[in-house]
Amino acid sequence: MMDFIVPILLVVAIVVLHIHTCFTEAVHLNKWRPWLIILLLILTGTWFIYFVSRTALMKLGIQLVLIAGLVIYIS
């Protein structure tokens, strides 16, 4: 039973952190041109949001550690 809980919790944590980062860091996009935001959304999805501030980069680091933990746990 415990074998299924840890990967599920890690996946949920990764998704929730990504959504949280997108909404909290979107404030920085007010200074950007609308066409640039649309272009970056089309090209990279929501991944460009991690490069708008220093705190977003820290959240990206945490998210990558969680993904590495999930890969290690599964393999």
PDB file of N, CA and C in Angstrom:
ATOM      1  N   MET A   1       0.824  -1.198   0.000  1.00  0.00           N
ATOM      2  CA  MET A   1       0.000   0.000   0.000  1.00  0.00           C
ATOM      3  C   MET A   1       0.869   1.264   0.000  1.00  0.00           C
ATOM      4  N   MET A   2       1.923   1.288   0.777  1.00  0.00           N
ATOM      5  CA  MET A   2       2.781   2.459   0.866  1.00  0.00           C
ATOM      6  C   MET A   2       3.573   2.686  -0.423  1.00  0.00           C
ATOM      7  N   ASP A   3       3.719   1.642  -1.236  1.00  0.00           N
ATOM      8  CA  ASP A   3       4.481   1.782  -2.475  1.00  0.00           C
ATOM      9  C   ASP A   3       3.802   2.730  -3.457  1.00  0.00           C
ATOM     10  N   PHE A   4       2.489   2.868  -3.359  1.00  0.00           N
ATOM     11  CA  PHE A   4       1.760   3.732  -4.279  1.00  0.00           C
ATOM     12  C   PHE A   4       1.593   5.150  -3.754  1.00  0.00           C
ATOM     13  N   ILE A   5       1.663   5.333  -2.456  1.00  0.00           N
ATOM     14  CA  ILE A   5       1.387   6.643  -1.859  1.00  0.00           C
ATOM     15  C   ILE A   5       2.512   7.636  -2.130  1.00  0.00           C
ATOM     16  N   VAL A   6       3.759   7.222  -1.983  1.00  0.00           N
ATOM     17  CA  VAL A   6       4.892   8.139  -2.145  1.00  0.00           C
ATOM     18  C   VAL A   6       4.972   8.717  -3.561  1.00  0.00           C
ATOM     19  N   PRO A   7       4.893   7.907  -4.625  1.00  0.00           N
ATOM     20  CA  PRO A   7       4.936   8.514  -5.964  1.00  0.00           C
ATOM     21  C   PRO A   7       3.754   9.445  -6.236  1.00  0.00           C
ATOM     22  N   ILE A   8       2.582   9.083  -5.746  1.00  0.00           N
ATOM     23  CA  ILE A   8       1.410   9.934  -5.941  1.00  0.00           C
ATOM     24  C   ILE A   8       1.604  11.264  -5.234  1.00  0.00           C
ATOM     25  N   LEU A   9       2.105  11.238  -4.019  1.00  0.00           N
ATOM     26  CA  LEU A   9       2.348  12.478  -3.281  1.00  0.00           C
ATOM     27  C   LEU A   9       3.408  13.342  -3.966  1.00  0.00           C
ATOM     28  N   LEU A  10       4.440  12.726  -4.506  1.00  0.00           N
ATOM     29  CA  LEU A  10       5.465  13.487  -5.217  1.00  0.00           C
ATOM     30  C   LEU A  10       4.908  14.130  -6.484  1.00  0.00           C
ATOM     31  N   VAL A  11       4.104  13.404  -7.226  1.00  0.00           N
ATOM     32  CA  VAL A  11       3.503  13.967  -8.439  1.00  0.00           C
ATOM     33  C   VAL A  11       2.574  15.123  -8.090  1.00  0.00           C
ATOM     34  N   VAL A  12       1.766  14.958  -7.047  1.00  0.00           N
ATOM     35  CA  VAL A  12       0.867  16.027  -6.621  1.00  0.00           C
ATOM     36  C   VAL A  12       1.664  17.256  -6.165  1.00  0.00           C
ATOM     37  N   ALA A  13       2.743  17.041  -5.439  1.00  0.00           N
ATOM     38  CA  ALA A  13       3.571  18.154  -4.976  1.00  0.00           C
ATOM     39  C   ALA A  13       4.188  18.901  -6.151  1.00  0.00           C
ATOM     40  N   ILE A  14       4.637  18.181  -7.167  1.00  0.00           N
ATOM     41  CA  ILE A  14       5.237  18.811  -8.344  1.00  0.00           C
ATOM     42  C   ILE A  14       4.202  19.655  -9.086  1.00  0.00           C
ATOM     43  N   VAL A  15       3.021  19.104  -9.290  1.00  0.00           N
ATOM     44  CA  VAL A  15       1.968  19.823 -10.019  1.00  0.00           C
ATOM     45  C   VAL A  15       1.499  21.049  -9.236  1.00  0.00           C
ATOM     46  N   VAL A  16       1.290  20.897  -7.944  1.00  0.00           N
ATOM     47  CA  VAL A  16       0.827  22.017  -7.120  1.00  0.00           C
ATOM     48  C   VAL A  16       1.882  23.125  -7.072  1.00  0.00           C
ATOM     49  N   LEU A  17       3.150  22.761  -6.952  1.00  0.00           N
ATOM     50  CA  LEU A  17       4.211  23.769  -6.937  1.00  0.00           C
ATOM     51  C   LEU A  17       4.296  24.501  -8.273  1.00  0.00           C
ATOM     52  N   HIS A  18       4.103  23.781  -9.365  1.00  0.00           N
ATOM     53  CA  HIS A  18       4.137  24.421 -10.682  1.00  0.00           C
ATOM     54  C   HIS A  18       2.973  25.410 -10.838  1.00  0.00           C
ATOM     55  N   ILE A  19       1.782  25.010 -10.452  1.00  0.00           N
ATOM     56  CA  ILE A  19       0.620  25.898 -10.547  1.00  0.00           C
ATOM     57  C   ILE A  19       0.792  27.101  -9.626  1.00  0.00           C
ATOM     58  N   HIS A  20       1.274  26.863  -8.419  1.00  0.00           N
ATOM     59  CA  HIS A  20       1.508  27.960  -7.469  1.00  0.00           C
ATOM     60  C   HIS A  20       2.522  28.960  -8.036  1.00  0.00           C
ATOM     61  N   THR A  21       3.584  28.451  -8.629  1.00  0.00           N
ATOM     62  CA  THR A  21       4.605  29.326  -9.209  1.00  0.00           C
ATOM     63  C   THR A  21       4.027  30.145 -10.357  1.00  0.00           C
ATOM     64  N   CYS A  22       3.234  29.522 -11.201  1.00  0.00           N
ATOM     65  CA  CYS A  22       2.651  30.253 -12.337  1.00  0.00           C
ATOM     66  C   CYS A  22       1.788  31.410 -11.864  1.00  0.00           C
ATOM     67  N   PHE A  23       0.980  31.197 -10.833  1.00  0.00           N
ATOM     68  CA  PHE A  23       0.094  32.259 -10.376  1.00  0.00           C
ATOM     69  C   PHE A  23       0.827  33.332  -9.575  1.00  0.00           C
ATOM     70  N   THR A  24       1.786  32.948  -8.752  1.00  0.00           N
ATOM     71  CA  THR A  24       2.463  33.949  -7.933  1.00  0.00           C
ATOM     72  C   THR A  24       3.472  34.765  -8.728  1.00  0.00           C
ATOM     73  N   GLU A  25       4.093  34.184  -9.724  1.00  0.00           N
ATOM     74  CA  GLU A  25       5.094  34.905 -10.501  1.00  0.00           C
ATOM     75  C   GLU A  25       4.497  35.663 -11.684  1.00  0.00           C
ATOM     76  N   ALA A  26       3.223  35.462 -11.951  1.00  0.00           N
ATOM     77  CA  ALA A  26       2.581  36.159 -13.068  1.00  0.00           C
ATOM     78  C   ALA A  26       2.522  37.667 -12.837  1.00  0.00           C
ATOM     79  N   VAL A  27       2.673  38.109 -11.606  1.00  0.00           N
ATOM     80  CA  VAL A  27       2.683  39.546 -11.297  1.00  0.00           C
ATOM     81  C   VAL A  27       3.820  40.238 -12.036  1.00  0.00           C
ATOM     82  N   HIS A  28       4.937  39.564 -12.204  1.00  0.00           N
ATOM     83  CA  HIS A  28       6.092  40.153 -12.883  1.00  0.00           C
ATOM     84  C   HIS A  28       5.846  40.376 -14.370  1.00  0.00           C
ATOM     85  N   LEU A  29       4.843  39.715 -14.923  1.00  0.00           N
ATOM     86  CA  LEU A  29       4.589  39.819 -16.354  1.00  0.00           C
ATOM     87  C   LEU A  29       3.829  41.087 -16.726  1.00  0.00           C
ATOM     88  N   ASN A  30       3.398  41.870 -15.758  1.00  0.00           N
ATOM     89  CA  ASN A  30       2.679  43.108 -16.050  1.00  0.00           C
ATOM     90  C   ASN A  30       3.522  44.088 -16.850  1.00  0.00           C
ATOM     91  N   LYS A  31       4.837  44.005 -16.716  1.00  0.00           N
ATOM     92  CA  LYS A  31       5.741  44.923 -17.405  1.00  0.00           C
ATOM     93  C   LYS A  31       6.105  44.429 -18.810  1.00  0.00           C
ATOM     94  N   TRP A  32       5.740  43.211 -19.143  1.00  0.00           N
ATOM     95  CA  TRP A  32       6.097  42.635 -20.428  1.00  0.00           C
ATOM     96  C   TRP A  32       5.062  42.998 -21.489  1.00  0.00           C
ATOM     97  N   ARG A  33       5.458  42.960 -22.729  1.00  0.00           N
ATOM     98  CA  ARG A  33       4.540  43.191 -23.841  1.00  0.00           C
ATOM     99  C   ARG A  33       3.629  41.966 -24.009  1.00  0.00           C
ATOM    100  N   PRO A  34       2.345  42.173 -24.264  1.00  0.00           N
ATOM    101  CA  PRO A  34       1.413  41.027 -24.395  1.00  0.00           C
ATOM    102  C   PRO A  34       1.804  40.036 -25.494  1.00  0.00           C
ATOM    103  N   TRP A  35       2.318  40.528 -26.614  1.00  0.00           N
ATOM    104  CA  TRP A  35       2.689  39.606 -27.693  1.00  0.00           C
ATOM    105  C   TRP A  35       3.851  38.717 -27.288  1.00  0.00           C
ATOM    106  N   LEU A  36       4.739  39.232 -26.441  1.00  0.00           N
ATOM    107  CA  LEU A  36       5.872  38.427 -25.983  1.00  0.00           C
ATOM    108  C   LEU A  36       5.407  37.311 -25.052  1.00  0.00           C
ATOM    109  N   ILE A  37       4.468  37.615 -24.185  1.00  0.00           N
ATOM    110  CA  ILE A  37       3.922  36.596 -23.278  1.00  0.00           C
ATOM    111  C   ILE A  37       3.224  35.502 -24.076  1.00  0.00           C
ATOM    112  N   ILE A  38       2.435  35.894 -25.064  1.00  0.00           N
ATOM    113  CA  ILE A  38       1.731  34.911 -25.893  1.00  0.00           C
ATOM    114  C   ILE A  38       2.719  34.052 -26.668  1.00  0.00           C
ATOM    115  N   LEU A  39       3.743  34.679 -27.229  1.00  0.00           N
ATOM    116  CA  LEU A  39       4.759  33.923 -27.966  1.00  0.00           C
ATOM    117  C   LEU A  39       5.469  32.915 -27.069  1.00  0.00           C
ATOM    118  N   LEU A  40       5.859  33.337 -25.879  1.00  0.00           N
ATOM    119  CA  LEU A  40       6.550  32.423 -24.965  1.00  0.00           C
ATOM    120  C   LEU A  40       5.628  31.307 -24.481  1.00  0.00           C
ATOM    121  N   LEU A  41       4.351  31.609 -24.276  1.00  0.00           N
ATOM    122  CA  LEU A  41       3.403  30.553 -23.902  1.00  0.00           C
ATOM    123  C   LEU A  41       3.262  29.522 -25.013  1.00  0.00           C
ATOM    124  N   ILE A  42       3.252  29.987 -26.250  1.00  0.00           N
ATOM    125  CA  ILE A  42       3.141  29.058 -27.381  1.00  0.00           C
ATOM    126  C   ILE A  42       4.408  28.217 -27.520  1.00  0.00           C
ATOM    127  N   LEU A  43       5.567  28.846 -27.370  1.00  0.00           N
ATOM    128  CA  LEU A  43       6.839  28.136 -27.590  1.00  0.00           C
ATOM    129  C   LEU A  43       7.229  27.216 -26.439  1.00  0.00           C
ATOM    130  N   THR A  44       7.010  27.664 -25.189  1.00  0.00           N
ATOM    131  CA  THR A  44       7.530  26.898 -24.056  1.00  0.00           C
ATOM    132  C   THR A  44       6.468  26.431 -23.082  1.00  0.00           C
ATOM    133  N   GLY A  45       5.230  26.768 -23.327  1.00  0.00           N
ATOM    134  CA  GLY A  45       4.206  26.461 -22.330  1.00  0.00           C
ATOM    135  C   GLY A  45       4.375  27.409 -21.149  1.00  0.00           C
ATOM    136  N   THR A  46       4.264  26.895 -19.966  1.00  0.00           N
ATOM    137  CA  THR A  46       4.406  27.749 -18.780  1.00  0.00           C
ATOM    138  C   THR A  46       5.822  27.738 -18.214  1.00  0.00           C
ATOM    139  N   TRP A  47       6.766  27.092 -18.884  1.00  0.00           N
ATOM    140  CA  TRP A  47       8.118  26.972 -18.324  1.00  0.00           C
ATOM    141  C   TRP A  47       8.887  28.285 -18.294  1.00  0.00           C
ATOM    142  N   PHE A  48       8.532  29.250 -19.144  1.00  0.00           N
ATOM    143  CA  PHE A  48       9.259  30.521 -19.142  1.00  0.00           C
ATOM    144  C   PHE A  48       9.033  31.306 -17.861  1.00  0.00           C
ATOM    145  N   ILE A  49       7.983  30.991 -17.116  1.00  0.00           N
ATOM    146  CA  ILE A  49       7.665  31.729 -15.889  1.00  0.00           C
ATOM    147  C   ILE A  49       8.779  31.574 -14.851  1.00  0.00           C
ATOM    148  N   TYR A  50       9.569  30.506 -14.959  1.00  0.00           N
ATOM    149  CA  TYR A  50      10.630  30.272 -13.982  1.00  0.00           C
ATOM    150  C   TYR A  50      11.810  31.226 -14.148  1.00  0.00           C
ATOM    151  N   PHE A  51      11.845  31.969 -15.219  1.00  0.00           N
ATOM    152  CA  PHE A  51      12.981  32.851 -15.481  1.00  0.00           C
ATOM    153  C   PHE A  51      12.637  34.323 -15.323  1.00  0.00           C
ATOM    154  N   VAL A  52      11.515  34.641 -14.668  1.00  0.00           N
ATOM    155  CA  VAL A  52      11.138  36.039 -14.486  1.00  0.00           C
ATOM    156  C   VAL A  52      11.622  36.610 -13.157  1.00  0.00           C
ATOM    157  N   SER A  53      11.981  35.748 -12.206  1.00  0.00           N
ATOM    158  CA  SER A  53      12.467  36.263 -10.923  1.00  0.00           C
ATOM    159  C   SER A  53      13.368  35.226 -10.248  1.00  0.00           C
ATOM    160  N   ARG A  54      14.057  35.687  -9.229  1.00  0.00           N
ATOM    161  CA  ARG A  54      14.969  34.811  -8.487  1.00  0.00           C
ATOM    162  C   ARG A  54      14.214  33.767  -7.677  1.00  0.00           C
ATOM    163  N   THR A  55      13.072  34.163  -7.108  1.00  0.00           N
ATOM    164  CA  THR A  55      12.290  33.197  -6.325  1.00  0.00           C
ATOM    165  C   THR A  55      11.711  32.108  -7.226  1.00  0.00           C
ATOM    166  N   ALA A  56      11.372  32.468  -8.456  1.00  0.00           N
ATOM    167  CA  ALA A  56      10.871  31.456  -9.383  1.00  0.00           C
ATOM    168  C   ALA A  56      11.960  30.440  -9.713  1.00  0.00           C
ATOM    169  N   LEU A  57      13.191  30.898  -9.838  1.00  0.00           N
ATOM    170  CA  LEU A  57      14.297  29.960 -10.087  1.00  0.00           C
ATOM    171  C   LEU A  57      14.510  29.022  -8.901  1.00  0.00           C
ATOM    172  N   MET A  58      14.333  29.544  -7.689  1.00  0.00           N
ATOM    173  CA  MET A  58      14.452  28.680  -6.506  1.00  0.00           C
ATOM    174  C   MET A  58      13.341  27.629  -6.497  1.00  0.00           C
ATOM    175  N   LYS A  59      12.142  28.032  -6.894  1.00  0.00           N
ATOM    176  CA  LYS A  59      11.033  27.069  -6.972  1.00  0.00           C
ATOM    177  C   LYS A  59      11.297  26.026  -8.052  1.00  0.00           C
ATOM    178  N   LEU A  60      11.934  26.440  -9.149  1.00  0.00           N
ATOM    179  CA  LEU A  60      12.305  25.483 -10.190  1.00  0.00           C
ATOM    180  C   LEU A  60      13.302  24.471  -9.639  1.00  0.00           C
ATOM    181  N   GLY A  61      14.270  24.933  -8.859  1.00  0.00           N
ATOM    182  CA  GLY A  61      15.235  24.015  -8.248  1.00  0.00           C
ATOM    183  C   GLY A  61      14.560  23.005  -7.344  1.00  0.00           C
ATOM    184  N   ILE A  62      13.608  23.464  -6.543  1.00  0.00           N
ATOM    185  CA  ILE A  62      12.868  22.557  -5.660  1.00  0.00           C
ATOM    186  C   ILE A  62      12.079  21.551  -6.478  1.00  0.00           C
ATOM    187  N   GLN A  63      11.471  22.035  -7.541  1.00  0.00           N
ATOM    188  CA  GLN A  63      10.687  21.144  -8.390  1.00  0.00           C
ATOM    189  C   GLN A  63      11.575  20.095  -9.068  1.00  0.00           C
ATOM    190  N   LEU A  64      12.759  20.483  -9.516  1.00  0.00           N
ATOM    191  CA  LEU A  64      13.669  19.520 -10.129  1.00  0.00           C
ATOM    192  C   LEU A  64      14.163  18.483  -9.133  1.00  0.00           C
ATOM    193  N   VAL A  65      14.367  18.893  -7.886  1.00  0.00           N
ATOM    194  CA  VAL A  65      14.743  17.931  -6.841  1.00  0.00           C
ATOM    195  C   VAL A  65      13.607  16.942  -6.601  1.00  0.00           C
ATOM    196  N   LEU A  66      12.368  17.427  -6.574  1.00  0.00           N
ATOM    197  CA  LEU A  66      11.215  16.526  -6.411  1.00  0.00           C
ATOM    198  C   LEU A  66      11.103  15.549  -7.585  1.00  0.00           C
ATOM    199  N   ILE A  67      11.339  16.038  -8.802  1.00  0.00           N
ATOM    200  CA  ILE A  67      11.290  15.159  -9.973  1.00  0.00           C
ATOM    201  C   ILE A  67      12.408  14.112  -9.907  1.00  0.00           C
ATOM    202  N   ALA A  68      13.596  14.528  -9.491  1.00  0.00           N
ATOM    203  CA  ALA A  68      14.712  13.571  -9.348  1.00  0.00           C
ATOM    204  C   ALA A  68      14.376  12.526  -8.275  1.00  0.00           C
ATOM    205  N   GLY A  69      13.778  12.974  -7.189  1.00  0.00           N
ATOM    206  CA  GLY A  69      13.366  12.031  -6.143  1.00  0.00           C
ATOM    207  C   GLY A  69      12.342  11.034  -6.650  1.00  0.00           C
ATOM    208  N   LEU A  70      11.426  11.504  -7.469  1.00  0.00           N
ATOM    209  CA  LEU A  70      10.408  10.605  -8.043  1.00  0.00           C
ATOM    210  C   LEU A  70      11.054   9.585  -8.976  1.00  0.00           C
ATOM    211  N   VAL A  71      11.991  10.039  -9.815  1.00  0.00           N
ATOM    212  CA  VAL A  71      12.667   9.124 -10.733  1.00  0.00           C
ATOM    213  C   VAL A  71      13.482   8.087  -9.958  1.00  0.00           C
ATOM    214  N   ILE A  72      14.182   8.518  -8.934  1.00  0.00           N
ATOM    215  CA  ILE A  72      14.982   7.593  -8.122  1.00  0.00           C
ATOM    216  C   ILE A  72      14.083   6.611  -7.390  1.00  0.00           C
ATOM    217  N   TYR A  73      12.964   7.085  -6.874  1.00  0.00           N
ATOM    218  CA  TYR A  73      12.060   6.195  -6.134  1.00  0.00           C
ATOM    219  C   TYR A  73      11.440   5.146  -7.051  1.00  0.00           C
ATOM    220  N   ILE A  74      11.108   5.546  -8.274  1.00  0.00           N
ATOM    221  CA  ILE A  74      10.469   4.599  -9.200  1.00  0.00           C
ATOM    222  C   ILE A  74      11.471   3.563  -9.735  1.00  0.00           C
ATOM    223  N   SER A  75      12.721   4.002  -9.953  1.00  0.00           N
ATOM    224  CA  SER A  75      13.687   3.060 -10.544  1.00  0.00           C
ATOM    225  C   SER A  75      14.379   2.208  -9.520  1.00  0.00           C
TER     226      SER A  75
END
